[in-house]
């Protein structure tokens, strides 16, 4: 069991299938978590499930309020943010010639720009503590591309490059920044994919099976822990051999 006792963690995108699995792993490992999302009912359900957890409703697309959002999280966590997990993200799929400007912009704004802005504000808090860990949830399509997901692939590839740049900037300040890139993990997003495409994807996976949310959560918990202290600027691929970097 990975020990995250007394670590203060912010988790965005906590209300989805992957977010719930990450949250469960963090709680079992002993951490204090602020779970955030946009769905108030799902946040209340999280509060009912994990009695001592902190919940905070916030729309990551509200860029002007991200600074205040981070301040609110910091206050809840007694001004000590040890780990930030950027898990919030959306997909709006369309072929590139049919993709509307707003479909491109919304995915980039939430998946990439919001991730940068919250990370920027959290780093300011971590600099005062002279330590911290940031984990960004990317995707295999950020490495391979995918038909109908030019916006999503661009946002996730941008997240990886951004993480490497931030790792270079803040390594000397004892702040590590890494990514986890899930492959075909069973979730709400993958449930939208057609059965034909699902079978095609399965045939491309070396292990010949789809991943579970817990597979991703395990890697994230590792990156939260002291076991990963000498790792930064890296991407852990959790894809069953769907893609080899």
C-alpha atoms as a PDB file:
ATOM      1  CA  UNK A   1       0.000   0.000   0.000  1.00  0.00           C
ATOM      2  CA  UNK A   2       1.330   3.411  -0.990  1.00  0.00           C
ATOM      3  CA  UNK A   3       1.365   5.792   1.962  1.00  0.00           C
ATOM      4  CA  UNK A   4       0.009   9.293   1.323  1.00  0.00           C
ATOM      5  CA  UNK A   5      -0.794  10.028   4.945  1.00  0.00           C
ATOM      6  CA  UNK A   6      -1.258  13.724   5.742  1.00  0.00           C
ATOM      7  CA  UNK A   7      -0.654  14.830   2.136  1.00  0.00           C
ATOM      8  CA  UNK A   8      -2.966  17.647   1.024  1.00  0.00           C
ATOM      9  CA  UNK A   9      -4.180  17.076  -2.530  1.00  0.00           C
ATOM     10  CA  UNK A  10      -6.357  18.962  -5.020  1.00  0.00           C
ATOM     11  CA  UNK A  11      -8.132  16.707  -7.525  1.00  0.00           C
ATOM     12  CA  UNK A  12      -9.975  18.268 -10.456  1.00  0.00           C
ATOM     13  CA  UNK A  13     -12.478  16.266 -12.470  1.00  0.00           C
ATOM     14  CA  UNK A  14     -13.359  14.227  -9.403  1.00  0.00           C
ATOM     15  CA  UNK A  15     -16.923  13.346 -10.378  1.00  0.00           C
ATOM     16  CA  UNK A  16     -16.228  11.040 -13.338  1.00  0.00           C
ATOM     17  CA  UNK A  17     -15.416   7.324 -13.355  1.00  0.00           C
ATOM     18  CA  UNK A  18     -11.666   7.954 -13.454  1.00  0.00           C
ATOM     19  CA  UNK A  19     -11.905  10.736 -10.890  1.00  0.00           C
ATOM     20  CA  UNK A  20     -13.792   8.481  -8.487  1.00  0.00           C
ATOM     21  CA  UNK A  21     -11.180   5.749  -8.828  1.00  0.00           C
ATOM     22  CA  UNK A  22      -8.350   8.221  -8.211  1.00  0.00           C
ATOM     23  CA  UNK A  23     -10.215   9.630  -5.235  1.00  0.00           C
ATOM     24  CA  UNK A  24     -10.776   6.200  -3.731  1.00  0.00           C
ATOM     25  CA  UNK A  25      -7.068   5.408  -4.013  1.00  0.00           C
ATOM     26  CA  UNK A  26      -6.064   8.728  -2.445  1.00  0.00           C
ATOM     27  CA  UNK A  27      -8.452   8.332   0.485  1.00  0.00           C
ATOM     28  CA  UNK A  28      -7.386   4.754   1.183  1.00  0.00           C
ATOM     29  CA  UNK A  29      -3.753   5.914   1.181  1.00  0.00           C
ATOM     30  CA  UNK A  30      -4.518   8.463   3.900  1.00  0.00           C
ATOM     31  CA  UNK A  31      -4.449  11.816   2.087  1.00  0.00           C
ATOM     32  CA  UNK A  32      -6.576  14.911   2.624  1.00  0.00           C
ATOM     33  CA  UNK A  33      -8.369  15.802  -0.602  1.00  0.00           C
ATOM     34  CA  UNK A  34     -10.282  18.720  -2.057  1.00  0.00           C
ATOM     35  CA  UNK A  35     -12.425  17.113  -4.767  1.00  0.00           C
ATOM     36  CA  UNK A  36     -13.651  19.505  -7.425  1.00  0.00           C
ATOM     37  CA  UNK A  37     -16.056  19.331 -10.353  1.00  0.00           C
ATOM     38  CA  UNK A  38     -19.014  21.061 -11.969  1.00  0.00           C
ATOM     39  CA  UNK A  39     -21.797  18.614 -11.092  1.00  0.00           C
ATOM     40  CA  UNK A  40     -23.174  19.547  -7.683  1.00  0.00           C
ATOM     41  CA  UNK A  41     -25.193  16.336  -7.261  1.00  0.00           C
ATOM     42  CA  UNK A  42     -22.188  14.149  -7.974  1.00  0.00           C
ATOM     43  CA  UNK A  43     -20.056  16.198  -5.585  1.00  0.00           C
ATOM     44  CA  UNK A  44     -22.637  15.679  -2.852  1.00  0.00           C
ATOM     45  CA  UNK A  45     -22.582  11.951  -3.590  1.00  0.00           C
ATOM     46  CA  UNK A  46     -18.801  12.013  -3.122  1.00  0.00           C
ATOM     47  CA  UNK A  47     -19.272  13.785   0.204  1.00  0.00           C
ATOM     48  CA  UNK A  48     -21.762  11.121   1.297  1.00  0.00           C
ATOM     49  CA  UNK A  49     -19.369   8.347   0.283  1.00  0.00           C
ATOM     50  CA  UNK A  50     -16.236   9.857   1.836  1.00  0.00           C
ATOM     51  CA  UNK A  51     -17.408  11.663   4.960  1.00  0.00           C
ATOM     52  CA  UNK A  52     -14.236  13.613   5.738  1.00  0.00           C
ATOM     53  CA  UNK A  53     -13.530  14.772   2.202  1.00  0.00           C
ATOM     54  CA  UNK A  54     -13.720  18.397   1.096  1.00  0.00           C
ATOM     55  CA  UNK A  55     -15.759  19.225  -2.020  1.00  0.00           C
ATOM     56  CA  UNK A  56     -15.700  22.419  -4.028  1.00  0.00           C
ATOM     57  CA  UNK A  57     -17.827  23.132  -7.093  1.00  0.00           C
ATOM     58  CA  UNK A  58     -15.942  24.996  -9.787  1.00  0.00           C
ATOM     59  CA  UNK A  59     -16.132  25.395 -13.565  1.00  0.00           C
ATOM     60  CA  UNK A  60     -12.603  25.099 -14.963  1.00  0.00           C
ATOM     61  CA  UNK A  61     -13.668  27.194 -17.959  1.00  0.00           C
ATOM     62  CA  UNK A  62     -14.064  30.225 -15.692  1.00  0.00           C
ATOM     63  CA  UNK A  63     -10.465  31.325 -16.204  1.00  0.00           C
ATOM     64  CA  UNK A  64     -10.771  34.660 -14.403  1.00  0.00           C
ATOM     65  CA  UNK A  65     -11.743  32.896 -11.165  1.00  0.00           C
ATOM     66  CA  UNK A  66      -9.062  30.193 -11.145  1.00  0.00           C
ATOM     67  CA  UNK A  67      -6.768  32.257  -8.915  1.00  0.00           C
ATOM     68  CA  UNK A  68      -9.536  32.632  -6.334  1.00  0.00           C
ATOM     69  CA  UNK A  69     -10.386  28.936  -6.701  1.00  0.00           C
ATOM     70  CA  UNK A  70      -6.799  27.977  -5.821  1.00  0.00           C
ATOM     71  CA  UNK A  71      -6.887  30.374  -2.857  1.00  0.00           C
ATOM     72  CA  UNK A  72     -10.095  28.700  -1.667  1.00  0.00           C
ATOM     73  CA  UNK A  73      -8.508  25.247  -1.972  1.00  0.00           C
ATOM     74  CA  UNK A  74      -5.429  26.472  -0.117  1.00  0.00           C
ATOM     75  CA  UNK A  75      -7.562  27.835   2.719  1.00  0.00           C
ATOM     76  CA  UNK A  76      -9.414  24.525   3.023  1.00  0.00           C
ATOM     77  CA  UNK A  77      -6.076  22.700   3.160  1.00  0.00           C
ATOM     78  CA  UNK A  78      -4.598  25.026   5.805  1.00  0.00           C
ATOM     79  CA  UNK A  79      -2.339  26.769   3.257  1.00  0.00           C
ATOM     80  CA  UNK A  80      -0.447  23.584   2.401  1.00  0.00           C
ATOM     81  CA  UNK A  81      -0.929  22.108  -1.074  1.00  0.00           C
ATOM     82  CA  UNK A  82       1.325  19.080  -1.515  1.00  0.00           C
ATOM     83  CA  UNK A  83      -0.106  17.680  -4.740  1.00  0.00           C
ATOM     84  CA  UNK A  84      -2.230  18.915  -7.633  1.00  0.00           C
ATOM     85  CA  UNK A  85      -3.866  16.348  -9.914  1.00  0.00           C
ATOM     86  CA  UNK A  86      -5.233  17.880 -13.112  1.00  0.00           C
ATOM     87  CA  UNK A  87      -7.833  15.342 -14.204  1.00  0.00           C
ATOM     88  CA  UNK A  88     -10.599  17.602 -15.531  1.00  0.00           C
ATOM     89  CA  UNK A  89     -11.189  17.315 -19.255  1.00  0.00           C
ATOM     90  CA  UNK A  90     -13.796  17.081 -22.000  1.00  0.00           C
ATOM     91  CA  UNK A  91     -14.164  15.733 -25.528  1.00  0.00           C
ATOM     92  CA  UNK A  92     -16.154  17.259 -28.380  1.00  0.00           C
ATOM     93  CA  UNK A  93     -15.397  15.040 -31.368  1.00  0.00           C
ATOM     94  CA  UNK A  94     -15.784  15.972 -35.012  1.00  0.00           C
ATOM     95  CA  UNK A  95     -13.880  15.627 -38.254  1.00  0.00           C
ATOM     96  CA  UNK A  96     -11.560  18.588 -38.692  1.00  0.00           C
ATOM     97  CA  UNK A  97     -13.332  20.160 -41.684  1.00  0.00           C
ATOM     98  CA  UNK A  98     -16.629  19.996 -39.795  1.00  0.00           C
ATOM     99  CA  UNK A  99     -15.271  21.108 -36.440  1.00  0.00           C
ATOM    100  CA  UNK A 100     -16.749  24.410 -35.347  1.00  0.00           C
ATOM    101  CA  UNK A 101     -14.531  27.096 -33.879  1.00  0.00           C
ATOM    102  CA  UNK A 102     -16.296  26.801 -30.525  1.00  0.00           C
ATOM    103  CA  UNK A 103     -15.741  23.014 -30.481  1.00  0.00           C
ATOM    104  CA  UNK A 104     -12.014  23.555 -30.922  1.00  0.00           C
ATOM    105  CA  UNK A 105     -11.846  26.430 -28.444  1.00  0.00           C
ATOM    106  CA  UNK A 106     -13.852  24.812 -25.635  1.00  0.00           C
ATOM    107  CA  UNK A 107     -11.720  21.653 -25.586  1.00  0.00           C
ATOM    108  CA  UNK A 108      -8.457  23.613 -25.679  1.00  0.00           C
ATOM    109  CA  UNK A 109      -9.701  26.067 -23.049  1.00  0.00           C
ATOM    110  CA  UNK A 110     -10.718  23.405 -20.535  1.00  0.00           C
ATOM    111  CA  UNK A 111      -8.145  20.681 -21.183  1.00  0.00           C
ATOM    112  CA  UNK A 112      -5.056  22.826 -21.724  1.00  0.00           C
ATOM    113  CA  UNK A 113      -5.520  26.486 -20.795  1.00  0.00           C
ATOM    114  CA  UNK A 114      -7.324  25.731 -17.536  1.00  0.00           C
ATOM    115  CA  UNK A 115      -4.671  23.157 -16.639  1.00  0.00           C
ATOM    116  CA  UNK A 116      -1.953  25.744 -17.196  1.00  0.00           C
ATOM    117  CA  UNK A 117      -3.727  28.426 -15.171  1.00  0.00           C
ATOM    118  CA  UNK A 118      -4.479  26.246 -12.148  1.00  0.00           C
ATOM    119  CA  UNK A 119      -0.956  24.818 -12.257  1.00  0.00           C
ATOM    120  CA  UNK A 120       0.544  28.297 -12.427  1.00  0.00           C
ATOM    121  CA  UNK A 121      -1.407  29.406  -9.372  1.00  0.00           C
ATOM    122  CA  UNK A 122      -0.670  26.240  -7.394  1.00  0.00           C
ATOM    123  CA  UNK A 123       3.058  26.510  -8.158  1.00  0.00           C
ATOM    124  CA  UNK A 124       3.030  29.928  -6.514  1.00  0.00           C
ATOM    125  CA  UNK A 125       1.773  28.248  -3.322  1.00  0.00           C
ATOM    126  CA  UNK A 126       4.254  25.382  -3.614  1.00  0.00           C
ATOM    127  CA  UNK A 127       7.201  27.754  -3.987  1.00  0.00           C
ATOM    128  CA  UNK A 128       6.541  28.990  -0.461  1.00  0.00           C
ATOM    129  CA  UNK A 129       6.679  25.408   0.826  1.00  0.00           C
ATOM    130  CA  UNK A 130       9.771  24.651  -1.313  1.00  0.00           C
ATOM    131  CA  UNK A 131       8.225  21.404  -2.552  1.00  0.00           C
ATOM    132  CA  UNK A 132       5.288  19.958  -4.436  1.00  0.00           C
ATOM    133  CA  UNK A 133       4.058  17.485  -7.016  1.00  0.00           C
ATOM    134  CA  UNK A 134       1.847  18.132 -10.032  1.00  0.00           C
ATOM    135  CA  UNK A 135       0.318  15.297 -12.026  1.00  0.00           C
ATOM    136  CA  UNK A 136      -1.424  15.964 -15.331  1.00  0.00           C
ATOM    137  CA  UNK A 137      -3.747  13.370 -16.833  1.00  0.00           C
ATOM    138  CA  UNK A 138      -3.064  13.331 -20.556  1.00  0.00           C
ATOM    139  CA  UNK A 139      -4.070  10.641 -23.085  1.00  0.00           C
ATOM    140  CA  UNK A 140      -2.562   8.188 -25.537  1.00  0.00           C
ATOM    141  CA  UNK A 141      -4.084  10.244 -28.354  1.00  0.00           C
ATOM    142  CA  UNK A 142      -1.793  13.098 -27.335  1.00  0.00           C
ATOM    143  CA  UNK A 143       0.997  10.881 -28.671  1.00  0.00           C
ATOM    144  CA  UNK A 144      -0.737   9.076 -31.540  1.00  0.00           C
ATOM    145  CA  UNK A 145      -3.509  11.400 -32.698  1.00  0.00           C
ATOM    146  CA  UNK A 146      -7.000  10.106 -33.429  1.00  0.00           C
ATOM    147  CA  UNK A 147      -9.600  10.546 -36.147  1.00  0.00           C
ATOM    148  CA  UNK A 148     -12.210  13.107 -35.155  1.00  0.00           C
ATOM    149  CA  UNK A 149     -10.227  14.302 -32.144  1.00  0.00           C
ATOM    150  CA  UNK A 150      -7.873  16.956 -33.501  1.00  0.00           C
ATOM    151  CA  UNK A 151      -8.909  19.300 -30.680  1.00  0.00           C
ATOM    152  CA  UNK A 152      -8.604  16.703 -27.915  1.00  0.00           C
ATOM    153  CA  UNK A 153      -5.307  15.309 -29.226  1.00  0.00           C
ATOM    154  CA  UNK A 154      -3.850  18.802 -29.504  1.00  0.00           C
ATOM    155  CA  UNK A 155      -4.898  19.653 -25.946  1.00  0.00           C
ATOM    156  CA  UNK A 156      -3.350  16.484 -24.519  1.00  0.00           C
ATOM    157  CA  UNK A 157      -0.136  16.772 -26.552  1.00  0.00           C
ATOM    158  CA  UNK A 158       0.130  20.380 -25.404  1.00  0.00           C
ATOM    159  CA  UNK A 159      -0.275  19.245 -21.804  1.00  0.00           C
ATOM    160  CA  UNK A 160       2.691  16.881 -22.158  1.00  0.00           C
ATOM    161  CA  UNK A 161       4.972  19.546 -23.661  1.00  0.00           C
ATOM    162  CA  UNK A 162       3.827  22.063 -21.074  1.00  0.00           C
ATOM    163  CA  UNK A 163       4.609  19.623 -18.258  1.00  0.00           C
ATOM    164  CA  UNK A 164       8.148  19.110 -19.547  1.00  0.00           C
ATOM    165  CA  UNK A 165       8.699  22.862 -19.705  1.00  0.00           C
ATOM    166  CA  UNK A 166       7.388  23.391 -16.174  1.00  0.00           C
ATOM    167  CA  UNK A 167       9.516  20.506 -14.918  1.00  0.00           C
ATOM    168  CA  UNK A 168      12.590  22.283 -16.278  1.00  0.00           C
ATOM    169  CA  UNK A 169      11.543  25.587 -14.737  1.00  0.00           C
ATOM    170  CA  UNK A 170      10.790  24.351 -11.223  1.00  0.00           C
ATOM    171  CA  UNK A 171      12.912  21.254 -10.655  1.00  0.00           C
ATOM    172  CA  UNK A 172      15.441  23.264  -8.661  1.00  0.00           C
ATOM    173  CA  UNK A 173      12.593  24.371  -6.414  1.00  0.00           C
ATOM    174  CA  UNK A 174      11.824  20.721  -5.554  1.00  0.00           C
ATOM    175  CA  UNK A 175       8.579  20.735  -7.534  1.00  0.00           C
ATOM    176  CA  UNK A 176       8.019  17.783  -9.847  1.00  0.00           C
ATOM    177  CA  UNK A 177       5.634  17.806 -12.811  1.00  0.00           C
ATOM    178  CA  UNK A 178       4.678  14.567 -14.551  1.00  0.00           C
ATOM    179  CA  UNK A 179       1.950  13.154 -16.773  1.00  0.00           C
ATOM    180  CA  UNK A 180      -0.047   9.969 -16.847  1.00  0.00           C
ATOM    181  CA  UNK A 181      -1.321   9.023 -20.310  1.00  0.00           C
ATOM    182  CA  UNK A 182      -4.198   6.525 -20.181  1.00  0.00           C
ATOM    183  CA  UNK A 183      -4.998   4.403 -23.200  1.00  0.00           C
ATOM    184  CA  UNK A 184      -8.397   2.810 -23.729  1.00  0.00           C
ATOM    185  CA  UNK A 185      -9.797   2.970 -20.191  1.00  0.00           C
ATOM    186  CA  UNK A 186     -13.434   2.118 -19.544  1.00  0.00           C
ATOM    187  CA  UNK A 187     -15.131   5.432 -18.646  1.00  0.00           C
ATOM    188  CA  UNK A 188     -17.924   7.817 -19.673  1.00  0.00           C
ATOM    189  CA  UNK A 189     -15.790   9.119 -22.531  1.00  0.00           C
ATOM    190  CA  UNK A 190     -14.985   5.718 -23.996  1.00  0.00           C
ATOM    191  CA  UNK A 191     -18.634   4.691 -23.643  1.00  0.00           C
ATOM    192  CA  UNK A 192     -19.435   7.212 -26.382  1.00  0.00           C
ATOM    193  CA  UNK A 193     -17.247   5.372 -28.911  1.00  0.00           C
ATOM    194  CA  UNK A 194     -19.031   3.089 -31.366  1.00  0.00           C
ATOM    195  CA  UNK A 195     -18.867  -0.682 -30.885  1.00  0.00           C
ATOM    196  CA  UNK A 196     -17.059  -1.068 -34.221  1.00  0.00           C
ATOM    197  CA  UNK A 197     -14.365   1.406 -33.238  1.00  0.00           C
ATOM    198  CA  UNK A 198     -14.139  -0.146 -29.761  1.00  0.00           C
ATOM    199  CA  UNK A 199     -13.327  -3.553 -31.248  1.00  0.00           C
ATOM    200  CA  UNK A 200     -10.796  -1.979 -33.587  1.00  0.00           C
ATOM    201  CA  UNK A 201      -9.064  -0.306 -30.648  1.00  0.00           C
ATOM    202  CA  UNK A 202      -9.008  -3.553 -28.678  1.00  0.00           C
ATOM    203  CA  UNK A 203      -7.251  -5.322 -31.543  1.00  0.00           C
ATOM    204  CA  UNK A 204      -4.431  -2.762 -31.302  1.00  0.00           C
ATOM    205  CA  UNK A 205      -3.770  -3.357 -27.603  1.00  0.00           C
ATOM    206  CA  UNK A 206      -0.913  -5.747 -26.889  1.00  0.00           C
ATOM    207  CA  UNK A 207      -2.556  -7.097 -23.726  1.00  0.00           C
ATOM    208  CA  UNK A 208      -5.807  -7.562 -25.693  1.00  0.00           C
ATOM    209  CA  UNK A 209      -7.973  -5.958 -23.032  1.00  0.00           C
ATOM    210  CA  UNK A 210      -9.175  -2.553 -21.969  1.00  0.00           C
ATOM    211  CA  UNK A 211      -7.782  -0.794 -18.946  1.00  0.00           C
ATOM    212  CA  UNK A 212      -9.600  -0.137 -15.692  1.00  0.00           C
ATOM    213  CA  UNK A 213      -9.780   3.237 -13.973  1.00  0.00           C
ATOM    214  CA  UNK A 214      -7.849   1.646 -11.080  1.00  0.00           C
ATOM    215  CA  UNK A 215      -4.894   1.040 -13.405  1.00  0.00           C
ATOM    216  CA  UNK A 216      -4.579   4.786 -13.925  1.00  0.00           C
ATOM    217  CA  UNK A 217      -5.257   5.569 -10.263  1.00  0.00           C
ATOM    218  CA  UNK A 218      -2.403   3.287  -9.200  1.00  0.00           C
ATOM    219  CA  UNK A 219       0.092   5.218 -11.332  1.00  0.00           C
ATOM    220  CA  UNK A 220      -1.189   8.539 -10.052  1.00  0.00           C
ATOM    221  CA  UNK A 221      -0.903   7.401  -6.434  1.00  0.00           C
ATOM    222  CA  UNK A 222       2.701   6.364  -7.126  1.00  0.00           C
ATOM    223  CA  UNK A 223       3.500   9.814  -8.546  1.00  0.00           C
ATOM    224  CA  UNK A 224       1.905  11.428  -5.477  1.00  0.00           C
ATOM    225  CA  UNK A 225       4.130   9.439  -3.142  1.00  0.00           C
ATOM    226  CA  UNK A 226       7.746   9.879  -2.074  1.00  0.00           C
ATOM    227  CA  UNK A 227       8.575   6.837  -4.225  1.00  0.00           C
ATOM    228  CA  UNK A 228       8.517   9.179  -7.234  1.00  0.00           C
ATOM    229  CA  UNK A 229      10.662  11.956  -5.738  1.00  0.00           C
ATOM    230  CA  UNK A 230      13.381  11.601  -8.395  1.00  0.00           C
ATOM    231  CA  UNK A 231      11.010  11.563 -11.367  1.00  0.00           C
ATOM    232  CA  UNK A 232      10.018  14.739 -13.215  1.00  0.00           C
ATOM    233  CA  UNK A 233       9.150  15.776 -16.741  1.00  0.00           C
ATOM    234  CA  UNK A 234       8.072  12.231 -17.534  1.00  0.00           C
ATOM    235  CA  UNK A 235       4.959  10.515 -18.842  1.00  0.00           C
ATOM    236  CA  UNK A 236       3.752   7.174 -17.503  1.00  0.00           C
ATOM    237  CA  UNK A 237       1.852   5.312 -20.231  1.00  0.00           C
ATOM    238  CA  UNK A 238      -1.033   3.223 -18.947  1.00  0.00           C
ATOM    239  CA  UNK A 239      -2.272   1.657 -22.166  1.00  0.00           C
ATOM    240  CA  UNK A 240      -1.657  -2.080 -22.105  1.00  0.00           C
ATOM    241  CA  UNK A 241       0.814  -1.855 -24.970  1.00  0.00           C
ATOM    242  CA  UNK A 242      -1.449   0.189 -27.236  1.00  0.00           C
ATOM    243  CA  UNK A 243       1.414   2.615 -27.760  1.00  0.00           C
ATOM    244  CA  UNK A 244       5.118   2.380 -26.955  1.00  0.00           C
ATOM    245  CA  UNK A 245       6.999   5.671 -26.472  1.00  0.00           C
END
